[in-house]
Amino acid sequence: MSTGDRPQPARAGFVTYAHLRGATDRAIAHQTRHRSMDTITTYIRVDDVFTDNAVLQIGR
């Protein structure tokens, strides 16, 4: 995979950080100037399986 096929690291870092702190995809897209909400998800990098895990929300 060439670097042209991957999201930019700085942008991915910003999008992931904003996402993990509760920013909506719409707010993130507004800041990054993305027109497609689907594109935003390609930038979210969550490596920890317990981070942003829906199962952890059950029973709260």
N, C-alpha and C. Protein backbone atom coordinates (compact mmCIF):
# COMPACT_ATOMS: atom_id res chain seq x y z
N MET A 1 0.86 -1.18 0.00
CA MET A 1 0.00 0.00 0.00
C MET A 1 0.90 1.24 0.00
N SER A 2 0.70 2.11 -0.93
CA SER A 2 1.48 3.34 -0.97
C SER A 2 0.86 4.36 -0.03
N THR A 3 1.63 5.40 0.32
CA THR A 3 1.10 6.41 1.23
C THR A 3 -0.10 7.14 0.63
N GLY A 4 -0.22 7.13 -0.68
CA GLY A 4 -1.37 7.76 -1.32
C GLY A 4 -2.67 7.01 -1.07
N ASP A 5 -2.56 5.75 -0.65
CA ASP A 5 -3.75 4.93 -0.40
C ASP A 5 -4.22 5.01 1.05
N ARG A 6 -3.43 5.66 1.91
CA ARG A 6 -3.76 5.73 3.34
C ARG A 6 -4.12 7.15 3.73
N PRO A 7 -5.00 7.28 4.74
CA PRO A 7 -5.30 8.63 5.25
C PRO A 7 -4.04 9.27 5.82
N GLN A 8 -3.97 10.56 5.77
CA GLN A 8 -2.83 11.30 6.29
C GLN A 8 -2.74 11.09 7.80
N PRO A 9 -1.52 10.80 8.33
CA PRO A 9 -1.38 10.53 9.77
C PRO A 9 -1.85 11.67 10.67
N ALA A 10 -1.54 12.91 10.33
CA ALA A 10 -1.97 14.03 11.19
C ALA A 10 -3.49 14.16 11.20
N ARG A 11 -4.09 14.01 10.06
CA ARG A 11 -5.55 14.09 9.98
C ARG A 11 -6.19 12.94 10.75
N ALA A 12 -5.65 11.74 10.58
CA ALA A 12 -6.17 10.58 11.30
C ALA A 12 -6.03 10.79 12.81
N GLY A 13 -4.93 11.36 13.23
CA GLY A 13 -4.73 11.62 14.66
C GLY A 13 -5.76 12.60 15.19
N PHE A 14 -6.01 13.67 14.45
CA PHE A 14 -7.01 14.64 14.88
C PHE A 14 -8.40 14.02 14.93
N VAL A 15 -8.77 13.31 13.87
CA VAL A 15 -10.11 12.72 13.79
C VAL A 15 -10.30 11.70 14.92
N THR A 16 -9.31 10.86 15.16
CA THR A 16 -9.41 9.87 16.24
C THR A 16 -9.54 10.54 17.59
N TYR A 17 -8.71 11.54 17.85
CA TYR A 17 -8.73 12.26 19.12
C TYR A 17 -10.10 12.92 19.34
N ALA A 18 -10.61 13.58 18.33
CA ALA A 18 -11.92 14.24 18.44
C ALA A 18 -13.03 13.22 18.65
N HIS A 19 -12.97 12.12 17.92
CA HIS A 19 -13.98 11.06 18.03
C HIS A 19 -14.01 10.47 19.44
N LEU A 20 -12.83 10.17 19.99
CA LEU A 20 -12.76 9.57 21.31
C LEU A 20 -13.21 10.52 22.41
N ARG A 21 -13.23 11.80 22.12
CA ARG A 21 -13.68 12.78 23.11
C ARG A 21 -15.11 13.23 22.87
N GLY A 22 -15.80 12.52 21.98
CA GLY A 22 -17.23 12.72 21.84
C GLY A 22 -17.68 13.67 20.74
N ALA A 23 -16.76 14.16 19.92
CA ALA A 23 -17.18 15.03 18.82
C ALA A 23 -18.01 14.22 17.83
N THR A 24 -19.03 14.84 17.30
CA THR A 24 -19.86 14.16 16.31
C THR A 24 -19.12 14.08 14.98
N ASP A 25 -19.49 13.12 14.17
CA ASP A 25 -18.88 13.00 12.84
C ASP A 25 -19.12 14.28 12.04
N ARG A 26 -20.28 14.87 12.21
CA ARG A 26 -20.60 16.11 11.49
C ARG A 26 -19.66 17.25 11.89
N ALA A 27 -19.40 17.37 13.19
CA ALA A 27 -18.49 18.42 13.67
C ALA A 27 -17.07 18.18 13.17
N ILE A 28 -16.66 16.91 13.18
CA ILE A 28 -15.32 16.58 12.69
C ILE A 28 -15.22 16.88 11.19
N ALA A 29 -16.22 16.48 10.43
CA ALA A 29 -16.22 16.73 8.99
C ALA A 29 -16.20 18.22 8.68
N HIS A 30 -16.88 19.00 9.48
CA HIS A 30 -16.88 20.45 9.29
C HIS A 30 -15.46 21.00 9.47
N GLN A 31 -14.77 20.52 10.48
CA GLN A 31 -13.41 20.99 10.76
C GLN A 31 -12.42 20.53 9.68
N THR A 32 -12.57 19.29 9.23
CA THR A 32 -11.63 18.73 8.26
C THR A 32 -12.04 18.99 6.81
N ARG A 33 -13.23 19.57 6.65
CA ARG A 33 -13.77 19.91 5.33
C ARG A 33 -14.08 18.69 4.46
N HIS A 34 -14.49 17.62 5.10
CA HIS A 34 -14.95 16.44 4.36
C HIS A 34 -16.41 16.64 3.97
N ARG A 35 -16.75 16.25 2.79
CA ARG A 35 -18.15 16.32 2.35
C ARG A 35 -18.91 15.05 2.69
N SER A 36 -18.19 13.94 2.78
CA SER A 36 -18.83 12.65 3.03
C SER A 36 -18.58 12.19 4.47
N MET A 37 -19.65 11.85 5.16
CA MET A 37 -19.51 11.33 6.52
C MET A 37 -18.83 9.96 6.51
N ASP A 38 -19.00 9.21 5.43
CA ASP A 38 -18.36 7.89 5.33
C ASP A 38 -16.84 8.01 5.35
N THR A 39 -16.31 9.07 4.82
CA THR A 39 -14.86 9.26 4.79
C THR A 39 -14.29 9.41 6.19
N ILE A 40 -15.03 10.04 7.08
CA ILE A 40 -14.55 10.28 8.43
C ILE A 40 -14.19 8.96 9.12
N THR A 41 -14.98 7.92 8.92
CA THR A 41 -14.73 6.65 9.60
C THR A 41 -13.42 6.01 9.17
N THR A 42 -12.92 6.33 7.98
CA THR A 42 -11.65 5.76 7.54
C THR A 42 -10.48 6.36 8.30
N TYR A 43 -10.68 7.50 8.94
CA TYR A 43 -9.62 8.17 9.69
C TYR A 43 -9.59 7.81 11.16
N ILE A 44 -10.65 7.18 11.67
CA ILE A 44 -10.72 6.85 13.09
C ILE A 44 -9.87 5.61 13.35
N ARG A 45 -8.90 5.75 14.24
CA ARG A 45 -7.97 4.66 14.56
C ARG A 45 -8.08 4.35 16.05
N VAL A 46 -8.80 3.30 16.39
CA VAL A 46 -8.94 2.89 17.78
C VAL A 46 -8.32 1.50 17.90
N ASP A 47 -7.17 1.41 18.56
CA ASP A 47 -6.45 0.14 18.68
C ASP A 47 -6.85 -0.67 19.89
N ASP A 48 -7.32 -0.02 20.93
CA ASP A 48 -7.69 -0.70 22.16
C ASP A 48 -9.12 -1.24 22.03
N VAL A 49 -9.29 -2.55 22.18
CA VAL A 49 -10.62 -3.14 21.99
C VAL A 49 -11.63 -2.67 23.03
N PHE A 50 -11.16 -2.13 24.16
CA PHE A 50 -12.07 -1.65 25.19
C PHE A 50 -12.39 -0.17 25.04
N THR A 51 -11.77 0.51 24.09
CA THR A 51 -12.05 1.91 23.83
C THR A 51 -13.16 2.00 22.80
N ASP A 52 -14.17 2.78 23.11
CA ASP A 52 -15.30 2.97 22.19
C ASP A 52 -15.98 1.64 21.86
N ASN A 53 -16.14 0.80 22.87
CA ASN A 53 -16.73 -0.51 22.70
C ASN A 53 -18.18 -0.47 23.18
N ALA A 54 -19.12 -0.79 22.32
CA ALA A 54 -20.55 -0.70 22.65
C ALA A 54 -20.93 -1.63 23.80
N VAL A 55 -20.25 -2.77 23.93
CA VAL A 55 -20.58 -3.73 24.99
C VAL A 55 -20.41 -3.08 26.37
N LEU A 56 -19.44 -2.20 26.51
CA LEU A 56 -19.19 -1.55 27.79
C LEU A 56 -20.31 -0.59 28.19
N GLN A 57 -21.16 -0.23 27.27
CA GLN A 57 -22.26 0.68 27.54
C GLN A 57 -23.51 -0.04 28.06
N ILE A 58 -23.56 -1.35 27.92
CA ILE A 58 -24.71 -2.13 28.34
C ILE A 58 -24.79 -2.17 29.86
N GLY A 59 -25.95 -1.88 30.39
CA GLY A 59 -26.16 -1.96 31.81
C GLY A 59 -25.80 -0.69 32.57
N ARG A 60 -25.46 0.35 31.88
CA ARG A 60 -25.15 1.60 32.55
C ARG A 60 -26.39 2.40 32.82
